[in-house]
């Protein structure tokens, strides 16, 4: 008998739960100015998230998936990406979309059921939110294949949760990415819960990162509550892909502090003690503590920034609520290049407000 294969999975962290440095910071992120900006982005994302839930609770927004507790994943990935790269997001990537330049009003429109919210002014080539779990992973492989065929030094970034790693779409996309050595980075936001299914009950794998091994490329794990670790490891993975060396998978260990969506009640399947422990490890507390200890951040600075965040969010809410609604018949506009006869009849009914005789 002989050994034919073996592998390891690296785990990276720079700050512990108390915000204490556990190893030297990467050179590109060993800069207080850079880290302050990352904290500001996470605070802005949380402010947006809080307001979105308030809007949903008052009937002014549809079902919404909070990113509470996962801000470091989005902001870290956003820091690693270049403008010309393409994001294929799942439904909990608000922090990343904001970091990429998507306007808050556009996000409110999307979650309010208005597809104008997917027509981002910036960045134009990023994909719309994928509600279908893992269904956008093959699209990411396709985008990356286009980059490779065109000889463009660009990277597709595909975001999904731990539950998506059990979907066939994700396995197939990773398999193609490995075979064709595509410039794509798959980022798993392992928040420990696939709706009400805990991580331990959906996969027997020791890590989700190792699922990349079967597809022929490297998987790594990072502390997803450490924005420095996320930004560094995803940045290295993107450089690897951009230089023609193929795909990577990065598993970000984090925790979903809120409900799965605003129609969920997480208290039915997880304990208060578990959630309390997770609050102790959340990403804003961690980076805030580190920067406060170095004198780069303080309460007055945070209060000033939070006021600016509140003003920006409230202005976006006003813009969203005051935007005239689209005409009902426009729901037919983006279905087909040429509308089938049956739908033409339905469109006419909507336009005229009459009854459908058929």
Protein backbone atom coordinates (compact mmCIF):
# COMPACT_ATOMS: atom_id res chain seq x y z
CA UNK A 1 0.00 0.00 0.00
CA UNK A 2 1.28 3.47 -0.85
CA UNK A 3 0.12 7.01 -0.12
CA UNK A 4 -1.26 8.68 -3.26
CA UNK A 5 -2.44 12.02 -1.87
CA UNK A 6 -2.44 14.13 1.25
CA UNK A 7 -3.42 17.69 2.09
CA UNK A 8 -3.50 20.28 4.82
CA UNK A 9 -5.78 23.27 5.46
CA UNK A 10 -4.26 26.44 6.89
CA UNK A 11 -6.16 28.69 9.31
CA UNK A 12 -5.22 32.38 9.48
CA UNK A 13 -5.98 34.97 12.18
CA UNK A 14 -4.27 38.19 13.27
CA UNK A 15 -6.57 39.43 16.05
CA UNK A 16 -8.17 37.37 18.80
CA UNK A 17 -11.65 37.95 20.22
CA UNK A 18 -10.29 40.62 22.57
CA UNK A 19 -8.67 42.54 19.71
CA UNK A 20 -5.16 41.48 20.69
CA UNK A 21 -2.63 40.87 17.93
CA UNK A 22 -1.62 37.21 17.72
CA UNK A 23 1.01 37.47 14.97
CA UNK A 24 2.67 40.20 12.88
CA UNK A 25 0.25 41.95 10.52
CA UNK A 26 0.69 41.65 6.75
CA UNK A 27 2.70 44.60 5.45
CA UNK A 28 -0.13 45.96 3.28
CA UNK A 29 -2.52 45.99 6.25
CA UNK A 30 -0.09 47.13 8.93
CA UNK A 31 -1.37 50.67 8.53
CA UNK A 32 -3.67 52.37 11.04
CA UNK A 33 -5.22 54.52 8.33
CA UNK A 34 -6.21 51.46 6.31
CA UNK A 35 -7.60 49.67 9.36
CA UNK A 36 -9.61 52.73 10.43
CA UNK A 37 -11.23 52.79 6.99
CA UNK A 38 -12.11 49.10 7.30
CA UNK A 39 -13.74 49.75 10.68
CA UNK A 40 -15.67 52.67 9.22
CA UNK A 41 -16.97 50.48 6.42
CA UNK A 42 -18.11 47.83 8.88
CA UNK A 43 -19.89 50.43 11.03
CA UNK A 44 -21.61 51.84 7.95
CA UNK A 45 -22.74 48.38 6.91
CA UNK A 46 -24.19 47.71 10.36
CA UNK A 47 -26.00 51.04 10.34
CA UNK A 48 -27.51 50.20 6.94
CA UNK A 49 -28.46 46.73 8.16
CA UNK A 50 -30.24 48.08 11.24
CA UNK A 51 -32.26 50.54 9.17
CA UNK A 52 -33.20 47.86 6.62
CA UNK A 53 -34.68 45.70 9.37
CA UNK A 54 -36.61 48.70 10.71
CA UNK A 55 -38.03 49.34 7.24
CA UNK A 56 -39.08 45.71 6.87
CA UNK A 57 -40.77 45.69 10.27
CA UNK A 58 -42.83 48.73 9.28
CA UNK A 59 -43.88 47.29 5.91
CA UNK A 60 -41.61 49.50 3.80
CA UNK A 61 -39.23 46.74 2.70
CA UNK A 62 -39.69 43.11 1.76
CA UNK A 63 -38.15 40.05 3.37
CA UNK A 64 -34.56 40.93 4.24
CA UNK A 65 -31.45 38.88 5.12
CA UNK A 66 -29.36 40.62 7.79
CA UNK A 67 -25.56 40.58 7.64
CA UNK A 68 -25.22 41.29 11.37
CA UNK A 69 -22.00 39.73 12.62
CA UNK A 70 -20.61 39.04 9.14
CA UNK A 71 -19.41 42.53 8.26
CA UNK A 72 -15.72 41.56 8.33
CA UNK A 73 -16.24 39.04 5.55
CA UNK A 74 -17.84 41.56 3.20
CA UNK A 75 -15.53 44.46 3.99
CA UNK A 76 -12.43 42.24 3.89
CA UNK A 77 -13.34 40.79 0.49
CA UNK A 78 -14.21 44.26 -0.78
CA UNK A 79 -10.77 45.50 0.24
CA UNK A 80 -9.13 42.64 -1.67
CA UNK A 81 -11.07 43.16 -4.91
CA UNK A 82 -10.16 45.54 -7.71
CA UNK A 83 -12.67 47.73 -9.51
CA UNK A 84 -12.45 45.65 -12.68
CA UNK A 85 -13.15 42.34 -10.90
CA UNK A 86 -16.68 40.93 -10.91
CA UNK A 87 -18.70 40.00 -7.83
CA UNK A 88 -21.33 37.28 -7.87
CA UNK A 89 -23.09 37.76 -4.52
CA UNK A 90 -25.41 35.62 -2.48
CA UNK A 91 -28.12 37.34 -0.44
CA UNK A 92 -26.16 38.46 2.63
CA UNK A 93 -23.41 40.52 1.01
CA UNK A 94 -24.61 44.07 1.76
CA UNK A 95 -21.33 45.05 3.41
CA UNK A 96 -19.40 43.87 0.36
CA UNK A 97 -21.77 45.53 -2.10
CA UNK A 98 -21.49 48.83 -0.24
CA UNK A 99 -17.71 48.48 -0.24
CA UNK A 100 -17.88 47.90 -4.00
CA UNK A 101 -19.79 51.14 -4.53
CA UNK A 102 -23.40 49.97 -4.76
CA UNK A 103 -25.60 52.79 -3.44
CA UNK A 104 -27.78 52.23 -0.38
CA UNK A 105 -30.84 53.41 -2.28
CA UNK A 106 -30.23 50.67 -4.85
CA UNK A 107 -30.05 48.06 -2.11
CA UNK A 108 -33.26 49.34 -0.54
CA UNK A 109 -34.92 49.17 -3.95
CA UNK A 110 -33.83 45.58 -4.45
CA UNK A 111 -35.05 44.42 -1.05
CA UNK A 112 -38.24 46.40 -1.62
CA UNK A 113 -38.99 44.24 -4.66
CA UNK A 114 -37.96 46.77 -7.31
CA UNK A 115 -35.55 45.37 -9.91
CA UNK A 116 -34.12 48.83 -10.52
CA UNK A 117 -32.13 47.99 -7.41
CA UNK A 118 -30.15 45.43 -9.45
CA UNK A 119 -29.18 47.99 -12.09
CA UNK A 120 -26.18 49.28 -10.17
CA UNK A 121 -24.68 52.56 -11.29
CA UNK A 122 -21.42 51.24 -9.83
CA UNK A 123 -20.05 48.61 -10.39
CA UNK A 124 -21.84 47.98 -13.66
CA UNK A 125 -20.63 44.42 -14.29
CA UNK A 126 -21.23 42.96 -10.83
CA UNK A 127 -24.04 40.42 -10.84
CA UNK A 128 -27.37 40.89 -9.05
CA UNK A 129 -28.11 39.11 -5.78
CA UNK A 130 -28.65 35.36 -6.11
CA UNK A 131 -31.46 34.18 -3.89
CA UNK A 132 -31.14 30.61 -5.17
CA UNK A 133 -28.64 28.95 -2.84
CA UNK A 134 -25.46 28.20 -4.79
CA UNK A 135 -27.17 28.73 -8.13
CA UNK A 136 -24.75 31.50 -9.10
CA UNK A 137 -21.58 29.41 -8.70
CA UNK A 138 -21.72 28.07 -12.29
CA UNK A 139 -22.20 31.67 -13.45
CA UNK A 140 -18.98 32.58 -11.65
CA UNK A 141 -17.14 29.83 -13.50
CA UNK A 142 -18.56 31.18 -16.75
CA UNK A 143 -17.45 34.73 -15.97
CA UNK A 144 -13.99 33.49 -15.08
CA UNK A 145 -13.81 31.47 -18.32
CA UNK A 146 -14.62 34.64 -20.28
CA UNK A 147 -11.78 36.45 -18.52
CA UNK A 148 -9.39 33.63 -19.36
CA UNK A 149 -10.41 33.41 -23.01
CA UNK A 150 -10.03 37.17 -23.41
CA UNK A 151 -6.69 37.21 -21.63
CA UNK A 152 -7.98 39.76 -19.11
CA UNK A 153 -6.25 39.99 -15.70
CA UNK A 154 -9.56 39.99 -13.83
CA UNK A 155 -11.06 37.73 -11.17
CA UNK A 156 -14.60 36.53 -10.51
CA UNK A 157 -15.49 36.39 -6.81
CA UNK A 158 -18.33 34.08 -5.83
CA UNK A 159 -19.83 34.47 -2.36
CA UNK A 160 -22.03 31.87 -0.66
CA UNK A 161 -22.80 30.40 2.75
CA UNK A 162 -21.91 27.10 4.38
CA UNK A 163 -25.17 25.51 3.24
CA UNK A 164 -24.35 26.16 -0.41
CA UNK A 165 -21.25 23.95 -0.17
CA UNK A 166 -23.63 20.99 -0.02
CA UNK A 167 -25.26 21.92 -3.33
CA UNK A 168 -24.44 20.29 -6.64
CA UNK A 169 -24.19 23.67 -8.37
CA UNK A 170 -21.21 24.58 -6.21
CA UNK A 171 -19.41 21.27 -6.68
CA UNK A 172 -19.88 21.43 -10.46
CA UNK A 173 -18.64 25.02 -10.64
CA UNK A 174 -15.57 24.21 -8.55
CA UNK A 175 -14.84 21.13 -10.63
CA UNK A 176 -14.87 23.17 -13.86
CA UNK A 177 -12.79 25.90 -12.25
CA UNK A 178 -10.18 23.35 -11.23
CA UNK A 179 -10.07 21.53 -14.57
CA UNK A 180 -9.82 24.74 -16.59
CA UNK A 181 -7.71 26.64 -14.04
CA UNK A 182 -10.11 29.57 -14.03
CA UNK A 183 -9.49 32.95 -12.36
CA UNK A 184 -12.21 32.63 -9.74
CA UNK A 185 -12.17 32.81 -5.94
CA UNK A 186 -14.96 31.08 -4.03
CA UNK A 187 -15.60 32.62 -0.59
CA UNK A 188 -17.64 30.65 1.94
CA UNK A 189 -19.24 32.69 4.72
CA UNK A 190 -19.45 29.87 7.25
CA UNK A 191 -21.86 31.44 9.73
CA UNK A 192 -22.57 28.04 11.34
CA UNK A 193 -26.24 27.86 10.32
CA UNK A 194 -27.88 26.93 7.00
CA UNK A 195 -31.19 28.43 8.06
CA UNK A 196 -31.96 26.10 11.01
CA UNK A 197 -29.47 23.35 10.14
CA UNK A 198 -26.25 23.59 12.15
CA UNK A 199 -22.91 23.19 10.42
CA UNK A 200 -22.23 19.83 12.11
CA UNK A 201 -25.41 18.30 10.68
CA UNK A 202 -24.90 19.27 7.04
CA UNK A 203 -21.33 18.12 6.41
CA UNK A 204 -19.02 15.58 8.04
CA UNK A 205 -15.95 17.33 6.59
CA UNK A 206 -13.55 18.70 9.21
CA UNK A 207 -13.49 21.99 7.28
CA UNK A 208 -15.46 23.38 4.36
CA UNK A 209 -12.19 24.64 2.87
CA UNK A 210 -11.09 21.09 2.14
CA UNK A 211 -13.96 20.64 -0.32
CA UNK A 212 -11.77 22.48 -2.83
CA UNK A 213 -9.24 19.63 -2.71
CA UNK A 214 -11.56 17.28 -4.60
CA UNK A 215 -11.80 19.92 -7.35
CA UNK A 216 -8.04 20.12 -7.64
CA UNK A 217 -7.18 23.41 -6.00
CA UNK A 218 -6.33 24.85 -2.61
CA UNK A 219 -8.79 25.65 0.14
CA UNK A 220 -7.93 27.87 3.11
CA UNK A 221 -9.70 28.87 6.31
CA UNK A 222 -9.64 32.26 8.00
CA UNK A 223 -11.14 33.79 11.11
CA UNK A 224 -14.07 35.51 9.42
CA UNK A 225 -14.48 37.90 12.36
CA UNK A 226 -10.97 39.24 11.72
CA UNK A 227 -11.20 41.67 8.81
CA UNK A 228 -7.40 41.77 8.54
CA UNK A 229 -7.23 38.01 8.00
CA UNK A 230 -10.06 38.06 5.47
CA UNK A 231 -8.56 40.93 3.47
CA UNK A 232 -5.10 39.35 3.44
CA UNK A 233 -6.00 35.76 2.59
CA UNK A 234 -8.62 36.67 -0.01
CA UNK A 235 -6.16 39.19 -1.46
CA UNK A 236 -3.52 36.48 -1.83
CA UNK A 237 -6.08 34.13 -3.39
CA UNK A 238 -7.07 36.81 -5.89
CA UNK A 239 -3.47 37.53 -6.82
CA UNK A 240 -2.98 33.80 -7.38
CA UNK A 241 -6.02 33.65 -9.68
CA UNK A 242 -5.18 36.91 -11.46
CA UNK A 243 -1.72 35.63 -12.33
CA UNK A 244 -3.12 32.61 -14.17
CA UNK A 245 -2.52 30.09 -11.40
CA UNK A 246 -6.12 28.97 -11.03
CA UNK A 247 -8.92 29.13 -8.46
CA UNK A 248 -8.93 29.19 -4.68
CA UNK A 249 -11.55 28.67 -1.99
CA UNK A 250 -11.53 30.65 1.25
CA UNK A 251 -13.71 29.57 4.18
CA UNK A 252 -14.46 32.45 6.56
CA UNK A 253 -15.47 31.27 10.05
CA UNK A 254 -18.04 33.72 11.38
CA UNK A 255 -21.49 33.73 12.98
CA UNK A 256 -24.92 34.93 11.94
CA UNK A 257 -25.96 37.04 14.92
CA UNK A 258 -29.45 37.74 13.61
CA UNK A 259 -32.25 35.60 12.20
CA UNK A 260 -31.77 33.90 8.84
CA UNK A 261 -34.14 36.48 7.36
CA UNK A 262 -36.86 38.73 8.76
CA UNK A 263 -39.36 35.84 8.41
CA UNK A 264 -37.22 33.55 10.61
CA UNK A 265 -37.08 33.16 14.39
CA UNK A 266 -33.62 31.81 15.24
CA UNK A 267 -34.55 31.52 18.92
CA UNK A 268 -36.47 28.36 17.97
CA UNK A 269 -33.32 26.43 17.07
CA UNK A 270 -30.35 27.97 18.90
CA UNK A 271 -29.73 28.99 22.49
CA UNK A 272 -29.24 32.43 24.00
CA UNK A 273 -25.93 31.20 25.45
CA UNK A 274 -24.59 30.35 22.00
CA UNK A 275 -25.55 33.73 20.59
CA UNK A 276 -24.07 35.52 23.61
CA UNK A 277 -20.74 33.78 23.04
CA UNK A 278 -20.81 34.82 19.41
CA UNK A 279 -21.44 38.46 20.35
CA UNK A 280 -18.21 38.34 22.34
CA UNK A 281 -16.32 37.43 19.16
CA UNK A 282 -18.06 39.74 16.66
CA UNK A 283 -15.87 41.68 14.20
CA UNK A 284 -16.58 45.33 15.05
CA UNK A 285 -15.81 44.84 18.73
CA UNK A 286 -12.55 43.13 17.81
CA UNK A 287 -11.12 45.75 15.43
CA UNK A 288 -12.45 48.63 17.55
CA UNK A 289 -10.59 47.26 20.58
CA UNK A 290 -7.36 46.87 18.59
CA UNK A 291 -7.50 50.41 17.18
CA UNK A 292 -8.52 51.94 20.50
CA UNK A 293 -5.54 50.29 22.14
CA UNK A 294 -3.21 51.83 19.58
CA UNK A 295 -4.77 55.29 19.93
CA UNK A 296 -6.13 55.34 16.37
CA UNK A 297 -9.80 55.24 17.46
CA UNK A 298 -11.89 56.56 20.30
CA UNK A 299 -15.45 57.18 21.43
CA UNK A 300 -15.62 60.72 20.06
CA UNK A 301 -14.38 59.56 16.66
CA UNK A 302 -16.90 56.74 16.64
CA UNK A 303 -19.79 59.01 17.64
CA UNK A 304 -18.93 61.43 14.84
CA UNK A 305 -18.70 58.64 12.30
CA UNK A 306 -21.93 57.00 13.43
CA UNK A 307 -23.73 60.33 13.00
CA UNK A 308 -22.42 60.55 9.45
CA UNK A 309 -23.53 56.97 8.81
CA UNK A 310 -26.98 57.72 10.17
CA UNK A 311 -27.31 60.81 7.98
CA UNK A 312 -26.25 58.88 4.88
CA UNK A 313 -28.58 55.98 5.58
CA UNK A 314 -31.54 58.26 6.32
CA UNK A 315 -30.96 60.19 3.10
CA UNK A 316 -30.93 56.91 1.18
CA UNK A 317 -34.19 55.91 2.87
CA UNK A 318 -35.80 59.21 1.86
CA UNK A 319 -34.62 58.76 -1.72
CA UNK A 320 -35.95 55.20 -1.77
CA UNK A 321 -39.36 56.05 -0.32
CA UNK A 322 -39.81 59.12 -2.54
CA UNK A 323 -38.91 57.36 -5.79
CA UNK A 324 -42.05 56.98 -7.93
CA UNK A 325 -43.16 53.38 -8.26
CA UNK A 326 -42.71 51.68 -11.59
CA UNK A 327 -45.79 51.08 -13.75
CA UNK A 328 -47.19 47.56 -13.09
CA UNK A 329 -46.82 46.50 -16.73
CA UNK A 330 -43.05 46.87 -16.52
CA UNK A 331 -42.89 43.52 -14.73
CA UNK A 332 -43.03 41.98 -18.22
CA UNK A 333 -40.10 44.00 -19.60
CA UNK A 334 -37.17 41.75 -18.76
CA UNK A 335 -38.67 38.29 -19.24
CA UNK A 336 -38.17 37.66 -22.96
CA UNK A 337 -36.63 39.42 -25.95
CA UNK A 338 -39.97 38.90 -27.72
CA UNK A 339 -42.90 38.49 -25.36
CA UNK A 340 -44.95 35.31 -26.05
CA UNK A 341 -48.52 35.82 -27.16
CA UNK A 342 -50.00 34.64 -23.87
CA UNK A 343 -47.96 37.14 -21.88
CA UNK A 344 -48.76 39.93 -24.34
CA UNK A 345 -52.42 39.40 -23.49
CA UNK A 346 -51.66 39.49 -19.78
CA UNK A 347 -49.60 42.65 -20.23
CA UNK A 348 -52.55 44.32 -21.95
CA UNK A 349 -54.82 43.37 -19.07
CA UNK A 350 -52.42 44.95 -16.59
CA UNK A 351 -52.02 48.07 -18.74
CA UNK A 352 -55.75 48.62 -19.21
CA UNK A 353 -56.84 47.45 -15.78
CA UNK A 354 -59.42 45.21 -17.43
CA UNK A 355 -60.32 41.59 -16.87
CA UNK A 356 -58.71 38.74 -18.78
CA UNK A 357 -61.46 37.15 -20.86
CA UNK A 358 -59.26 34.07 -21.30
